[in-house]
Amino acid sequence: MIGESFYWLGLSLTPGVGTILFKRLLERFKVPEAVFRAPMKELLQIEGLGEKVATEIRKGPPENRVQKELQLVKEAGGFLLTLEEDAYPKRLKEIHDPPPVLYGRGELTK
């Protein structure tokens, strides 16, 4: 089963998608999964998103790379935090362009 973190990580690993573009995509489509399902025409309406990056997005999440990253995180005893999660550091969330995905190691405390 593919969870939300798969799509968050997938979008963050998509070539050409940095924090600013990631933010613009979320503003328009709300969740990363919807970004991957968006028609090319709608993607091209996003400021700063050209045809090359839109084509990469339309290919879908880079599944092998995402699975490999998730496996590495698991093997390292780590975790992922996405910008939408309550455990995401509040002060970091307040900066201009916060990273959409954080990697952590150890146990996540609340």
N, C-alpha and C. Protein backbone atom coordinates (compact mmCIF):
# COMPACT_ATOMS: atom_id res chain seq x y z
N MET A 1 0.84 -1.19 0.00
CA MET A 1 0.00 0.00 0.00
C MET A 1 0.89 1.26 0.00
N ILE A 2 0.53 2.19 -0.80
CA ILE A 2 1.29 3.43 -0.92
C ILE A 2 0.62 4.48 -0.04
N GLY A 3 1.41 5.06 0.87
CA GLY A 3 0.89 6.08 1.77
C GLY A 3 1.23 7.47 1.29
N GLU A 4 0.73 8.44 2.04
CA GLU A 4 0.97 9.84 1.68
C GLU A 4 2.46 10.18 1.66
N SER A 5 3.22 9.60 2.58
CA SER A 5 4.65 9.92 2.63
C SER A 5 5.35 9.50 1.34
N PHE A 6 4.84 8.47 0.67
CA PHE A 6 5.39 8.04 -0.61
C PHE A 6 5.32 9.19 -1.62
N TYR A 7 4.16 9.83 -1.69
CA TYR A 7 3.97 10.92 -2.66
C TYR A 7 4.74 12.17 -2.27
N TRP A 8 4.81 12.46 -0.96
CA TRP A 8 5.60 13.61 -0.51
C TRP A 8 7.07 13.40 -0.88
N LEU A 9 7.59 12.23 -0.57
CA LEU A 9 8.98 11.94 -0.89
C LEU A 9 9.17 11.89 -2.40
N GLY A 10 8.22 11.28 -3.10
CA GLY A 10 8.29 11.18 -4.55
C GLY A 10 8.37 12.54 -5.23
N LEU A 11 7.54 13.47 -4.77
CA LEU A 11 7.56 14.80 -5.37
C LEU A 11 8.86 15.52 -5.03
N SER A 12 9.34 15.34 -3.81
CA SER A 12 10.59 16.00 -3.43
C SER A 12 11.80 15.43 -4.18
N LEU A 13 11.69 14.20 -4.65
CA LEU A 13 12.78 13.57 -5.40
C LEU A 13 12.64 13.73 -6.92
N THR A 14 11.56 14.33 -7.36
CA THR A 14 11.34 14.52 -8.79
C THR A 14 12.33 15.56 -9.32
N PRO A 15 13.08 15.21 -10.38
CA PRO A 15 14.05 16.16 -10.93
C PRO A 15 13.41 17.51 -11.28
N GLY A 16 14.03 18.58 -10.80
CA GLY A 16 13.56 19.92 -11.10
C GLY A 16 12.60 20.50 -10.09
N VAL A 17 12.16 19.70 -9.12
CA VAL A 17 11.22 20.19 -8.10
C VAL A 17 12.00 20.51 -6.83
N GLY A 18 12.14 21.79 -6.56
CA GLY A 18 12.78 22.24 -5.32
C GLY A 18 11.73 22.71 -4.33
N THR A 19 12.16 23.32 -3.26
CA THR A 19 11.21 23.72 -2.21
C THR A 19 10.21 24.77 -2.68
N ILE A 20 10.64 25.71 -3.49
CA ILE A 20 9.73 26.77 -3.94
C ILE A 20 8.67 26.20 -4.89
N LEU A 21 9.10 25.40 -5.84
CA LEU A 21 8.16 24.80 -6.78
C LEU A 21 7.23 23.82 -6.04
N PHE A 22 7.78 23.08 -5.10
CA PHE A 22 6.97 22.16 -4.29
C PHE A 22 5.85 22.95 -3.60
N LYS A 23 6.21 24.08 -3.02
CA LYS A 23 5.23 24.92 -2.31
C LYS A 23 4.15 25.41 -3.27
N ARG A 24 4.54 25.86 -4.44
CA ARG A 24 3.57 26.35 -5.43
C ARG A 24 2.63 25.23 -5.88
N LEU A 25 3.19 24.04 -6.05
CA LEU A 25 2.36 22.90 -6.45
C LEU A 25 1.34 22.55 -5.37
N LEU A 26 1.77 22.58 -4.11
CA LEU A 26 0.84 22.29 -3.01
C LEU A 26 -0.24 23.37 -2.89
N GLU A 27 0.14 24.61 -3.12
CA GLU A 27 -0.85 25.69 -3.07
C GLU A 27 -1.96 25.46 -4.10
N ARG A 28 -1.58 24.93 -5.24
CA ARG A 28 -2.55 24.71 -6.32
C ARG A 28 -3.31 23.40 -6.17
N PHE A 29 -2.59 22.31 -5.87
CA PHE A 29 -3.20 20.98 -5.89
C PHE A 29 -3.46 20.38 -4.51
N LYS A 30 -3.01 21.05 -3.46
CA LYS A 30 -3.25 20.69 -2.05
C LYS A 30 -2.44 19.52 -1.52
N VAL A 31 -2.34 18.43 -2.26
CA VAL A 31 -1.58 17.25 -1.80
C VAL A 31 -0.70 16.73 -2.94
N PRO A 32 0.47 16.16 -2.61
CA PRO A 32 1.37 15.66 -3.66
C PRO A 32 0.74 14.63 -4.60
N GLU A 33 -0.10 13.77 -4.08
CA GLU A 33 -0.71 12.77 -4.95
C GLU A 33 -1.49 13.44 -6.08
N ALA A 34 -2.19 14.52 -5.77
CA ALA A 34 -2.96 15.25 -6.78
C ALA A 34 -2.05 15.91 -7.81
N VAL A 35 -0.85 16.29 -7.40
CA VAL A 35 0.11 16.88 -8.34
C VAL A 35 0.44 15.87 -9.43
N PHE A 36 0.69 14.63 -9.03
CA PHE A 36 1.04 13.59 -10.00
C PHE A 36 -0.12 13.24 -10.93
N ARG A 37 -1.33 13.49 -10.50
CA ARG A 37 -2.52 13.19 -11.31
C ARG A 37 -2.98 14.38 -12.16
N ALA A 38 -2.36 15.52 -11.96
CA ALA A 38 -2.77 16.74 -12.66
C ALA A 38 -2.45 16.66 -14.15
N PRO A 39 -3.34 17.19 -14.98
CA PRO A 39 -3.06 17.23 -16.42
C PRO A 39 -1.89 18.17 -16.73
N MET A 40 -1.21 17.88 -17.78
CA MET A 40 -0.06 18.68 -18.22
C MET A 40 -0.45 20.16 -18.33
N LYS A 41 -1.60 20.43 -18.89
CA LYS A 41 -2.05 21.81 -19.09
C LYS A 41 -2.11 22.57 -17.76
N GLU A 42 -2.60 21.91 -16.71
CA GLU A 42 -2.68 22.56 -15.39
C GLU A 42 -1.30 22.73 -14.76
N LEU A 43 -0.44 21.75 -14.95
CA LEU A 43 0.91 21.86 -14.41
C LEU A 43 1.65 23.05 -15.02
N LEU A 44 1.47 23.24 -16.31
CA LEU A 44 2.18 24.31 -17.01
C LEU A 44 1.70 25.70 -16.61
N GLN A 45 0.60 25.78 -15.88
CA GLN A 45 0.10 27.07 -15.40
C GLN A 45 0.81 27.52 -14.12
N ILE A 46 1.59 26.62 -13.53
CA ILE A 46 2.31 26.94 -12.30
C ILE A 46 3.54 27.78 -12.63
N GLU A 47 3.67 28.91 -11.97
CA GLU A 47 4.82 29.80 -12.19
C GLU A 47 6.13 29.06 -11.93
N GLY A 48 7.04 29.14 -12.90
CA GLY A 48 8.36 28.53 -12.75
C GLY A 48 8.44 27.07 -13.14
N LEU A 49 7.33 26.51 -13.59
CA LEU A 49 7.32 25.10 -13.97
C LEU A 49 7.27 24.99 -15.49
N GLY A 50 8.35 24.51 -16.07
CA GLY A 50 8.41 24.37 -17.52
C GLY A 50 8.00 22.99 -17.98
N GLU A 51 8.04 22.81 -19.28
CA GLU A 51 7.60 21.55 -19.88
C GLU A 51 8.45 20.36 -19.43
N LYS A 52 9.75 20.56 -19.27
CA LYS A 52 10.64 19.47 -18.88
C LYS A 52 10.26 18.93 -17.49
N VAL A 53 10.07 19.82 -16.53
CA VAL A 53 9.71 19.40 -15.17
C VAL A 53 8.29 18.84 -15.15
N ALA A 54 7.39 19.46 -15.90
CA ALA A 54 6.01 18.96 -15.97
C ALA A 54 6.00 17.53 -16.51
N THR A 55 6.84 17.25 -17.48
CA THR A 55 6.94 15.90 -18.04
C THR A 55 7.45 14.93 -16.98
N GLU A 56 8.43 15.35 -16.20
CA GLU A 56 8.94 14.49 -15.11
C GLU A 56 7.83 14.19 -14.10
N ILE A 57 7.05 15.20 -13.76
CA ILE A 57 5.95 15.01 -12.81
C ILE A 57 4.92 14.05 -13.39
N ARG A 58 4.60 14.22 -14.66
CA ARG A 58 3.58 13.37 -15.30
C ARG A 58 4.02 11.90 -15.38
N LYS A 59 5.31 11.65 -15.31
CA LYS A 59 5.80 10.26 -15.30
C LYS A 59 5.39 9.55 -14.01
N GLY A 60 5.05 10.33 -13.00
CA GLY A 60 4.69 9.76 -11.70
C GLY A 60 5.89 9.76 -10.77
N PRO A 61 5.64 9.40 -9.51
CA PRO A 61 6.76 9.39 -8.56
C PRO A 61 7.86 8.45 -9.04
N PRO A 62 9.12 8.84 -8.84
CA PRO A 62 10.23 7.95 -9.22
C PRO A 62 10.25 6.75 -8.25
N GLU A 63 9.38 5.77 -8.54
CA GLU A 63 9.07 4.69 -7.60
C GLU A 63 10.28 3.95 -7.06
N ASN A 64 11.19 3.55 -7.93
CA ASN A 64 12.38 2.81 -7.46
C ASN A 64 13.20 3.65 -6.49
N ARG A 65 13.37 4.90 -6.83
CA ARG A 65 14.17 5.79 -5.97
C ARG A 65 13.46 6.03 -4.63
N VAL A 66 12.15 6.22 -4.67
CA VAL A 66 11.39 6.43 -3.44
C VAL A 66 11.47 5.20 -2.55
N GLN A 67 11.26 4.02 -3.14
CA GLN A 67 11.32 2.78 -2.36
C GLN A 67 12.71 2.59 -1.74
N LYS A 68 13.74 2.92 -2.51
CA LYS A 68 15.11 2.79 -2.01
C LYS A 68 15.34 3.74 -0.84
N GLU A 69 14.89 4.99 -0.97
CA GLU A 69 15.02 5.97 0.10
C GLU A 69 14.29 5.51 1.36
N LEU A 70 13.06 5.03 1.18
CA LEU A 70 12.27 4.56 2.32
C LEU A 70 12.96 3.39 3.01
N GLN A 71 13.55 2.50 2.22
CA GLN A 71 14.26 1.36 2.78
C GLN A 71 15.50 1.81 3.56
N LEU A 72 16.24 2.76 3.00
CA LEU A 72 17.42 3.28 3.69
C LEU A 72 17.05 3.95 5.02
N VAL A 73 15.97 4.68 5.01
CA VAL A 73 15.50 5.33 6.24
C VAL A 73 15.15 4.28 7.28
N LYS A 74 14.45 3.25 6.84
CA LYS A 74 14.05 2.18 7.76
C LYS A 74 15.27 1.46 8.33
N GLU A 75 16.22 1.13 7.46
CA GLU A 75 17.43 0.42 7.90
C GLU A 75 18.26 1.26 8.88
N ALA A 76 18.21 2.57 8.73
CA ALA A 76 18.98 3.46 9.60
C ALA A 76 18.24 3.75 10.91
N GLY A 77 17.06 3.16 11.05
CA GLY A 77 16.27 3.42 12.26
C GLY A 77 15.73 4.84 12.27
N GLY A 78 15.39 5.31 11.08
CA GLY A 78 14.95 6.69 10.95
C GLY A 78 13.47 6.85 10.66
N PHE A 79 13.12 8.06 10.33
CA PHE A 79 11.73 8.39 10.02
C PHE A 79 11.70 9.58 9.07
N LEU A 80 10.55 9.78 8.46
CA LEU A 80 10.31 10.94 7.61
C LEU A 80 9.23 11.79 8.25
N LEU A 81 9.36 13.08 8.11
CA LEU A 81 8.32 14.00 8.53
C LEU A 81 7.97 14.88 7.34
N THR A 82 6.69 15.03 7.07
CA THR A 82 6.27 15.92 6.00
C THR A 82 5.76 17.21 6.62
N LEU A 83 5.75 18.23 5.83
CA LEU A 83 5.35 19.56 6.25
C LEU A 83 3.96 19.60 6.88
N GLU A 84 3.11 18.68 6.52
CA GLU A 84 1.73 18.69 7.03
C GLU A 84 1.58 18.00 8.39
N GLU A 85 2.61 17.33 8.85
CA GLU A 85 2.49 16.57 10.10
C GLU A 85 2.67 17.46 11.32
N ASP A 86 1.94 17.12 12.38
CA ASP A 86 2.00 17.88 13.63
C ASP A 86 3.40 17.87 14.24
N ALA A 87 4.14 16.80 14.05
CA ALA A 87 5.47 16.67 14.65
C ALA A 87 6.54 17.50 13.91
N TYR A 88 6.21 18.04 12.74
CA TYR A 88 7.15 18.88 12.00
C TYR A 88 7.49 20.08 12.89
N PRO A 89 8.77 20.42 13.04
CA PRO A 89 9.15 21.52 13.92
C PRO A 89 8.46 22.84 13.55
N LYS A 90 7.76 23.40 14.52
CA LYS A 90 6.96 24.61 14.27
C LYS A 90 7.81 25.80 13.79
N ARG A 91 8.96 25.99 14.40
CA ARG A 91 9.81 27.13 14.00
C ARG A 91 10.35 26.95 12.59
N LEU A 92 10.66 25.72 12.22
CA LEU A 92 11.14 25.46 10.87
C LEU A 92 10.01 25.68 9.86
N LYS A 93 8.80 25.31 10.24
CA LYS A 93 7.64 25.49 9.37
C LYS A 93 7.39 26.98 9.07
N GLU A 94 7.85 27.85 9.96
CA GLU A 94 7.60 29.28 9.82
C GLU A 94 8.59 30.00 8.91
N ILE A 95 9.68 29.34 8.50
CA ILE A 95 10.62 30.01 7.61
C ILE A 95 10.00 30.17 6.23
N HIS A 96 10.62 30.99 5.41
CA HIS A 96 10.05 31.33 4.10
C HIS A 96 9.80 30.10 3.22
N ASP A 97 10.77 29.24 3.07
CA ASP A 97 10.63 28.04 2.23
C ASP A 97 11.08 26.81 3.00
N PRO A 98 10.24 26.30 3.89
CA PRO A 98 10.65 25.13 4.69
C PRO A 98 10.77 23.88 3.82
N PRO A 99 11.71 23.00 4.16
CA PRO A 99 11.82 21.75 3.40
C PRO A 99 10.53 20.94 3.54
N PRO A 100 10.00 20.43 2.45
CA PRO A 100 8.74 19.69 2.52
C PRO A 100 8.87 18.34 3.23
N VAL A 101 10.06 17.77 3.20
CA VAL A 101 10.29 16.47 3.83
C VAL A 101 11.55 16.55 4.68
N LEU A 102 11.45 16.09 5.91
CA LEU A 102 12.61 16.01 6.80
C LEU A 102 12.92 14.56 7.08
N TYR A 103 14.20 14.26 7.17
CA TYR A 103 14.65 12.94 7.58
C TYR A 103 15.08 13.04 9.03
N GLY A 104 14.75 12.04 9.82
CA GLY A 104 15.19 12.01 11.20
C GLY A 104 15.69 10.62 11.54
N ARG A 105 16.43 10.56 12.62
CA ARG A 105 16.96 9.27 13.05
C ARG A 105 16.64 9.08 14.52
N GLY A 106 16.31 7.87 14.87
CA GLY A 106 15.96 7.58 16.25
C GLY A 106 14.45 7.54 16.42
N GLU A 107 14.03 7.83 17.64
CA GLU A 107 12.61 7.79 17.93
C GLU A 107 12.05 9.20 17.93
N LEU A 108 10.93 9.35 17.30
CA LEU A 108 10.27 10.65 17.24
C LEU A 108 9.46 10.84 18.51
N THR A 109 9.76 11.90 19.24
CA THR A 109 9.01 12.19 20.47
C THR A 109 8.06 13.34 20.22
N LYS A 110 6.98 13.34 20.96
CA LYS A 110 5.97 14.39 20.77
C LYS A 110 6.15 15.50 21.76
